[in-house]
Amino acid sequence: MEDQEQGTKSRVVKVNSKESWDFHVNQATIQGCPIVAHFTAVWCIPSVAMNPFMEEFSSMYKNISFLTIDMDDVKEVASKYEVKAMPTFLLLKDGVPVDKVVGANPDEIKKRIHSLAQSNPSDIP
C-alpha cells in the first residue's frame, strides 16, 4: 500500500493507540513544538480527501508536529477531546488544545495552522 513515491517519507505520523498519542504529545511538548492532529476514518471520504493537504502543510511548517488519528482505532483519544465529527483538526500548544476546526476546509485549516505557527516565530515559512 505505497501511496507515496519511493524515497519520500511522510512527516504526518499515524497514531494508532492511546500510548502512541501520549508519546507524541509528550515529545512535542518537551520540544516546544505545536501539534496539528487530524481525526479521520478510512471510510470517511472528506477526511481521506484532506490527507494530501496535511502532507502539504507538514512540509511547509517543519516545526509543527502533524499527527493523524483514526477514530475507529483510537476511540479514547477522540472522546477525550470531544471529537464527534470527521474530519476534525485539533491544534495543540504545550500539549493543550488551543483551536479546533471541524470539516474539510483546507483554506480555513491552513489559516489556523499559520496562526499557530505565528505563536512560534521560527515556524513561519
N, C-alpha and C. Protein backbone atom coordinates (compact mmCIF):
# COMPACT_ATOMS: atom_id res chain seq x y z
N MET A 1 0.83 -1.19 0.00
CA MET A 1 0.00 0.00 0.00
C MET A 1 0.87 1.25 0.00
N GLU A 2 1.71 1.39 -1.02
CA GLU A 2 2.58 2.56 -1.14
C GLU A 2 1.84 3.65 -1.90
N ASP A 3 1.36 4.68 -1.19
CA ASP A 3 0.68 5.75 -1.89
C ASP A 3 1.58 6.97 -2.02
N GLN A 4 2.87 6.78 -1.71
CA GLN A 4 3.84 7.86 -1.88
C GLN A 4 4.98 7.35 -2.73
N GLU A 5 5.66 8.30 -3.36
CA GLU A 5 6.79 7.92 -4.18
C GLU A 5 7.88 7.35 -3.29
N GLN A 6 8.67 6.46 -3.87
CA GLN A 6 9.79 5.88 -3.14
C GLN A 6 10.72 6.99 -2.67
N GLY A 7 11.25 6.84 -1.49
CA GLY A 7 12.23 7.79 -1.01
C GLY A 7 11.64 8.99 -0.28
N THR A 8 10.34 9.22 -0.39
CA THR A 8 9.77 10.33 0.36
C THR A 8 9.11 9.79 1.62
N LYS A 9 9.47 10.38 2.73
CA LYS A 9 8.90 9.91 3.98
C LYS A 9 7.89 10.95 4.45
N SER A 10 6.73 10.48 4.82
CA SER A 10 5.69 11.38 5.28
C SER A 10 6.09 11.98 6.63
N ARG A 11 5.81 13.27 6.81
CA ARG A 11 6.02 13.92 8.10
C ARG A 11 4.76 13.79 8.96
N VAL A 12 3.67 13.26 8.37
CA VAL A 12 2.43 13.09 9.12
C VAL A 12 2.48 11.71 9.78
N VAL A 13 2.47 11.71 11.11
CA VAL A 13 2.63 10.47 11.86
C VAL A 13 1.26 9.87 12.16
N LYS A 14 1.10 8.59 11.83
CA LYS A 14 -0.17 7.91 12.12
C LYS A 14 -0.13 7.39 13.56
N VAL A 15 -1.10 7.84 14.34
CA VAL A 15 -1.21 7.42 15.75
C VAL A 15 -2.23 6.29 15.80
N ASN A 16 -1.82 5.14 16.31
CA ASN A 16 -2.76 4.02 16.30
C ASN A 16 -3.05 3.45 17.68
N SER A 17 -2.68 4.20 18.73
CA SER A 17 -3.02 3.79 20.09
C SER A 17 -2.97 5.00 21.01
N LYS A 18 -3.60 4.88 22.16
CA LYS A 18 -3.56 5.96 23.14
C LYS A 18 -2.12 6.18 23.61
N GLU A 19 -1.36 5.09 23.74
CA GLU A 19 0.04 5.18 24.18
C GLU A 19 0.85 5.97 23.15
N SER A 20 0.61 5.69 21.90
CA SER A 20 1.31 6.39 20.82
C SER A 20 0.96 7.88 20.86
N TRP A 21 -0.33 8.19 21.06
CA TRP A 21 -0.78 9.58 21.17
C TRP A 21 -0.05 10.28 22.32
N ASP A 22 -0.06 9.65 23.50
CA ASP A 22 0.58 10.23 24.68
C ASP A 22 2.07 10.47 24.43
N PHE A 23 2.72 9.50 23.78
CA PHE A 23 4.14 9.62 23.49
C PHE A 23 4.41 10.83 22.59
N HIS A 24 3.67 10.96 21.49
CA HIS A 24 3.90 12.05 20.54
C HIS A 24 3.56 13.41 21.15
N VAL A 25 2.50 13.47 21.93
CA VAL A 25 2.14 14.74 22.58
C VAL A 25 3.23 15.12 23.58
N ASN A 26 3.73 14.14 24.34
CA ASN A 26 4.82 14.40 25.29
C ASN A 26 6.07 14.91 24.60
N GLN A 27 6.47 14.23 23.52
CA GLN A 27 7.66 14.62 22.77
C GLN A 27 7.53 16.06 22.27
N ALA A 28 6.39 16.36 21.67
CA ALA A 28 6.17 17.69 21.10
C ALA A 28 6.19 18.75 22.20
N THR A 29 5.60 18.42 23.34
CA THR A 29 5.55 19.36 24.46
C THR A 29 6.96 19.64 24.98
N ILE A 30 7.76 18.60 25.14
CA ILE A 30 9.14 18.75 25.60
C ILE A 30 9.92 19.64 24.62
N GLN A 31 9.68 19.44 23.32
CA GLN A 31 10.41 20.19 22.30
C GLN A 31 9.81 21.57 22.03
N GLY A 32 8.71 21.90 22.72
CA GLY A 32 8.05 23.18 22.49
C GLY A 32 7.46 23.26 21.10
N CYS A 33 7.01 22.13 20.61
CA CYS A 33 6.53 22.00 19.24
C CYS A 33 5.00 21.91 19.22
N PRO A 34 4.31 22.84 18.53
CA PRO A 34 2.85 22.72 18.43
C PRO A 34 2.45 21.46 17.65
N ILE A 35 1.21 21.05 17.80
CA ILE A 35 0.70 19.84 17.14
C ILE A 35 -0.56 20.18 16.35
N VAL A 36 -0.65 19.59 15.14
CA VAL A 36 -1.91 19.60 14.40
C VAL A 36 -2.33 18.14 14.30
N ALA A 37 -3.47 17.81 14.90
CA ALA A 37 -3.97 16.43 14.90
C ALA A 37 -5.20 16.34 14.01
N HIS A 38 -5.13 15.42 13.05
CA HIS A 38 -6.23 15.20 12.09
C HIS A 38 -6.97 13.93 12.52
N PHE A 39 -8.20 14.10 13.02
CA PHE A 39 -9.03 12.95 13.39
C PHE A 39 -9.80 12.52 12.15
N THR A 40 -9.63 11.25 11.77
CA THR A 40 -10.11 10.77 10.49
C THR A 40 -10.68 9.36 10.62
N ALA A 41 -11.15 8.81 9.52
CA ALA A 41 -11.54 7.40 9.44
C ALA A 41 -11.40 6.99 7.98
N VAL A 42 -10.99 5.75 7.75
CA VAL A 42 -10.74 5.31 6.36
C VAL A 42 -11.99 5.37 5.50
N TRP A 43 -13.15 5.24 6.11
CA TRP A 43 -14.40 5.22 5.35
C TRP A 43 -14.98 6.62 5.14
N CYS A 44 -14.36 7.63 5.71
CA CYS A 44 -14.89 9.00 5.62
C CYS A 44 -14.20 9.73 4.47
N ILE A 45 -14.90 9.88 3.35
CA ILE A 45 -14.31 10.46 2.14
C ILE A 45 -13.75 11.87 2.37
N PRO A 46 -14.47 12.79 3.02
CA PRO A 46 -13.89 14.12 3.25
C PRO A 46 -12.60 14.07 4.07
N SER A 47 -12.52 13.16 5.03
CA SER A 47 -11.31 13.01 5.83
C SER A 47 -10.15 12.56 4.97
N VAL A 48 -10.40 11.53 4.16
CA VAL A 48 -9.36 10.99 3.29
C VAL A 48 -8.90 12.06 2.29
N ALA A 49 -9.85 12.87 1.83
CA ALA A 49 -9.52 13.94 0.88
C ALA A 49 -8.59 14.98 1.50
N MET A 50 -8.56 15.07 2.82
CA MET A 50 -7.70 16.05 3.48
C MET A 50 -6.25 15.57 3.64
N ASN A 51 -6.01 14.28 3.43
CA ASN A 51 -4.65 13.74 3.63
C ASN A 51 -3.57 14.45 2.81
N PRO A 52 -3.81 14.71 1.50
CA PRO A 52 -2.78 15.43 0.73
C PRO A 52 -2.52 16.83 1.27
N PHE A 53 -3.55 17.49 1.79
CA PHE A 53 -3.36 18.83 2.37
C PHE A 53 -2.49 18.74 3.62
N MET A 54 -2.73 17.71 4.44
CA MET A 54 -1.92 17.53 5.64
C MET A 54 -0.45 17.32 5.26
N GLU A 55 -0.22 16.53 4.21
CA GLU A 55 1.16 16.32 3.73
C GLU A 55 1.77 17.65 3.31
N GLU A 56 1.01 18.44 2.57
CA GLU A 56 1.49 19.73 2.08
C GLU A 56 1.81 20.66 3.26
N PHE A 57 0.87 20.76 4.21
CA PHE A 57 1.08 21.64 5.37
C PHE A 57 2.30 21.18 6.18
N SER A 58 2.46 19.86 6.32
CA SER A 58 3.56 19.35 7.13
C SER A 58 4.90 19.68 6.49
N SER A 59 4.95 19.80 5.16
CA SER A 59 6.21 20.16 4.53
C SER A 59 6.45 21.67 4.58
N MET A 60 5.38 22.45 4.75
CA MET A 60 5.51 23.90 4.86
C MET A 60 5.92 24.33 6.27
N TYR A 61 5.37 23.64 7.27
CA TYR A 61 5.60 24.02 8.66
C TYR A 61 6.42 22.93 9.35
N LYS A 62 7.73 23.03 9.22
CA LYS A 62 8.62 21.96 9.70
C LYS A 62 8.67 21.86 11.23
N ASN A 63 8.35 22.95 11.93
CA ASN A 63 8.45 22.93 13.39
C ASN A 63 7.12 22.66 14.07
N ILE A 64 6.17 22.14 13.30
CA ILE A 64 4.90 21.72 13.87
C ILE A 64 4.81 20.22 13.66
N SER A 65 4.33 19.52 14.66
CA SER A 65 4.17 18.08 14.57
C SER A 65 2.77 17.78 14.02
N PHE A 66 2.69 16.96 12.97
CA PHE A 66 1.42 16.61 12.35
C PHE A 66 1.11 15.15 12.65
N LEU A 67 -0.07 14.93 13.26
CA LEU A 67 -0.49 13.58 13.61
C LEU A 67 -1.82 13.29 12.93
N THR A 68 -2.02 12.03 12.57
CA THR A 68 -3.33 11.61 12.07
C THR A 68 -3.82 10.47 12.95
N ILE A 69 -5.07 10.55 13.35
CA ILE A 69 -5.65 9.59 14.29
C ILE A 69 -6.92 9.01 13.70
N ASP A 70 -6.94 7.70 13.50
CA ASP A 70 -8.15 7.04 13.01
C ASP A 70 -9.08 6.85 14.21
N MET A 71 -10.25 7.50 14.13
CA MET A 71 -11.18 7.47 15.28
C MET A 71 -11.65 6.07 15.62
N ASP A 72 -11.69 5.19 14.63
CA ASP A 72 -12.12 3.82 14.91
C ASP A 72 -11.06 3.04 15.68
N ASP A 73 -9.79 3.42 15.47
CA ASP A 73 -8.68 2.71 16.15
C ASP A 73 -8.41 3.26 17.54
N VAL A 74 -8.60 4.58 17.71
CA VAL A 74 -8.20 5.23 18.96
C VAL A 74 -9.37 6.05 19.51
N LYS A 75 -10.44 5.33 19.84
CA LYS A 75 -11.68 6.00 20.31
C LYS A 75 -11.46 6.83 21.56
N GLU A 76 -10.60 6.35 22.48
CA GLU A 76 -10.46 7.06 23.76
C GLU A 76 -9.84 8.44 23.59
N VAL A 77 -8.97 8.61 22.61
CA VAL A 77 -8.38 9.94 22.36
C VAL A 77 -9.45 10.86 21.77
N ALA A 78 -10.21 10.33 20.81
CA ALA A 78 -11.28 11.13 20.20
C ALA A 78 -12.29 11.58 21.26
N SER A 79 -12.68 10.67 22.15
CA SER A 79 -13.68 11.07 23.15
C SER A 79 -13.09 12.00 24.20
N LYS A 80 -11.81 11.84 24.52
CA LYS A 80 -11.15 12.74 25.49
C LYS A 80 -11.24 14.20 25.01
N TYR A 81 -11.09 14.41 23.70
CA TYR A 81 -11.12 15.77 23.15
C TYR A 81 -12.48 16.12 22.55
N GLU A 82 -13.48 15.30 22.84
CA GLU A 82 -14.85 15.52 22.38
C GLU A 82 -14.95 15.71 20.87
N VAL A 83 -14.21 14.87 20.15
CA VAL A 83 -14.27 14.87 18.69
C VAL A 83 -15.45 14.00 18.30
N LYS A 84 -16.42 14.61 17.62
CA LYS A 84 -17.65 13.88 17.28
C LYS A 84 -17.87 13.75 15.78
N ALA A 85 -17.16 14.55 14.99
CA ALA A 85 -17.34 14.52 13.54
C ALA A 85 -15.99 14.38 12.86
N MET A 86 -16.03 13.94 11.62
CA MET A 86 -14.79 13.84 10.85
C MET A 86 -14.93 14.59 9.55
N PRO A 87 -13.85 15.18 9.07
CA PRO A 87 -12.59 15.32 9.78
C PRO A 87 -12.67 16.42 10.83
N THR A 88 -11.92 16.24 11.91
CA THR A 88 -11.73 17.29 12.90
C THR A 88 -10.24 17.51 13.04
N PHE A 89 -9.85 18.77 13.09
CA PHE A 89 -8.44 19.13 13.24
C PHE A 89 -8.29 19.82 14.58
N LEU A 90 -7.46 19.25 15.42
CA LEU A 90 -7.23 19.78 16.76
C LEU A 90 -5.83 20.36 16.78
N LEU A 91 -5.70 21.62 17.19
CA LEU A 91 -4.40 22.27 17.27
C LEU A 91 -4.02 22.39 18.73
N LEU A 92 -2.85 21.88 19.07
CA LEU A 92 -2.40 21.88 20.45
C LEU A 92 -1.08 22.65 20.59
N LYS A 93 -0.97 23.32 21.71
CA LYS A 93 0.28 24.01 22.04
C LYS A 93 0.58 23.64 23.49
N ASP A 94 1.81 23.24 23.76
CA ASP A 94 2.20 22.76 25.10
C ASP A 94 1.28 21.64 25.57
N GLY A 95 0.85 20.81 24.63
CA GLY A 95 0.02 19.65 24.95
C GLY A 95 -1.43 19.97 25.24
N VAL A 96 -1.82 21.26 25.08
CA VAL A 96 -3.17 21.70 25.41
C VAL A 96 -3.88 22.18 24.15
N PRO A 97 -5.13 21.75 23.92
CA PRO A 97 -5.86 22.21 22.73
C PRO A 97 -6.05 23.73 22.76
N VAL A 98 -5.71 24.39 21.65
CA VAL A 98 -5.89 25.83 21.55
C VAL A 98 -6.86 26.20 20.43
N ASP A 99 -7.18 25.24 19.56
CA ASP A 99 -8.07 25.52 18.44
C ASP A 99 -8.61 24.21 17.89
N LYS A 100 -9.78 24.30 17.23
CA LYS A 100 -10.39 23.10 16.64
C LYS A 100 -11.12 23.53 15.37
N VAL A 101 -10.92 22.78 14.30
CA VAL A 101 -11.66 23.02 13.05
C VAL A 101 -12.38 21.72 12.70
N VAL A 102 -13.69 21.83 12.51
CA VAL A 102 -14.48 20.66 12.14
C VAL A 102 -14.87 20.80 10.68
N GLY A 103 -14.58 19.76 9.89
CA GLY A 103 -14.95 19.77 8.48
C GLY A 103 -13.74 19.88 7.57
N ALA A 104 -13.94 19.50 6.31
CA ALA A 104 -12.86 19.52 5.33
C ALA A 104 -12.79 20.88 4.66
N ASN A 105 -12.07 21.80 5.28
CA ASN A 105 -11.95 23.15 4.76
C ASN A 105 -10.46 23.53 4.74
N PRO A 106 -9.74 23.15 3.66
CA PRO A 106 -8.29 23.34 3.61
C PRO A 106 -7.86 24.79 3.85
N ASP A 107 -8.59 25.76 3.30
CA ASP A 107 -8.19 27.16 3.45
C ASP A 107 -8.26 27.59 4.91
N GLU A 108 -9.35 27.22 5.58
CA GLU A 108 -9.52 27.60 6.98
C GLU A 108 -8.45 26.91 7.84
N ILE A 109 -8.20 25.64 7.58
CA ILE A 109 -7.22 24.90 8.35
C ILE A 109 -5.83 25.52 8.16
N LYS A 110 -5.51 25.88 6.92
CA LYS A 110 -4.21 26.50 6.64
C LYS A 110 -4.07 27.81 7.42
N LYS A 111 -5.15 28.59 7.45
CA LYS A 111 -5.15 29.86 8.20
C LYS A 111 -4.86 29.62 9.68
N ARG A 112 -5.54 28.61 10.24
CA ARG A 112 -5.38 28.32 11.67
C ARG A 112 -3.97 27.79 11.96
N ILE A 113 -3.45 26.96 11.05
CA ILE A 113 -2.09 26.43 11.23
C ILE A 113 -1.10 27.60 11.17
N HIS A 114 -1.33 28.52 10.24
CA HIS A 114 -0.44 29.68 10.12
C HIS A 114 -0.45 30.50 11.40
N SER A 115 -1.64 30.69 11.97
CA SER A 115 -1.68 31.48 13.21
C SER A 115 -1.05 30.70 14.37
N LEU A 116 -1.16 29.38 14.37
CA LEU A 116 -0.47 28.56 15.37
C LEU A 116 1.05 28.73 15.19
N ALA A 117 1.51 28.74 13.95
CA ALA A 117 2.94 28.90 13.66
C ALA A 117 3.43 30.27 14.10
N GLN A 118 2.57 31.28 13.99
CA GLN A 118 2.99 32.63 14.38
C GLN A 118 3.25 32.75 15.88
N SER A 119 2.64 31.84 16.64
CA SER A 119 2.93 31.86 18.07
C SER A 119 4.29 31.23 18.35
N ASN A 120 4.89 30.61 17.32
CA ASN A 120 6.27 30.09 17.34
C ASN A 120 6.98 30.73 16.16
N PRO A 121 7.55 31.93 16.32
CA PRO A 121 8.06 32.69 15.18
C PRO A 121 9.01 31.91 14.26
N SER A 122 9.74 30.93 14.77
CA SER A 122 10.66 30.20 13.92
C SER A 122 9.94 29.26 12.94
N ASP A 123 8.62 29.12 13.08
CA ASP A 123 7.87 28.18 12.24
C ASP A 123 7.35 28.79 10.95
N ILE A 124 7.38 30.09 10.81
CA ILE A 124 6.72 30.73 9.67
C ILE A 124 7.54 30.52 8.42
N PRO A 125 6.91 29.94 7.38
CA PRO A 125 7.66 29.67 6.15
C PRO A 125 8.04 30.96 5.43
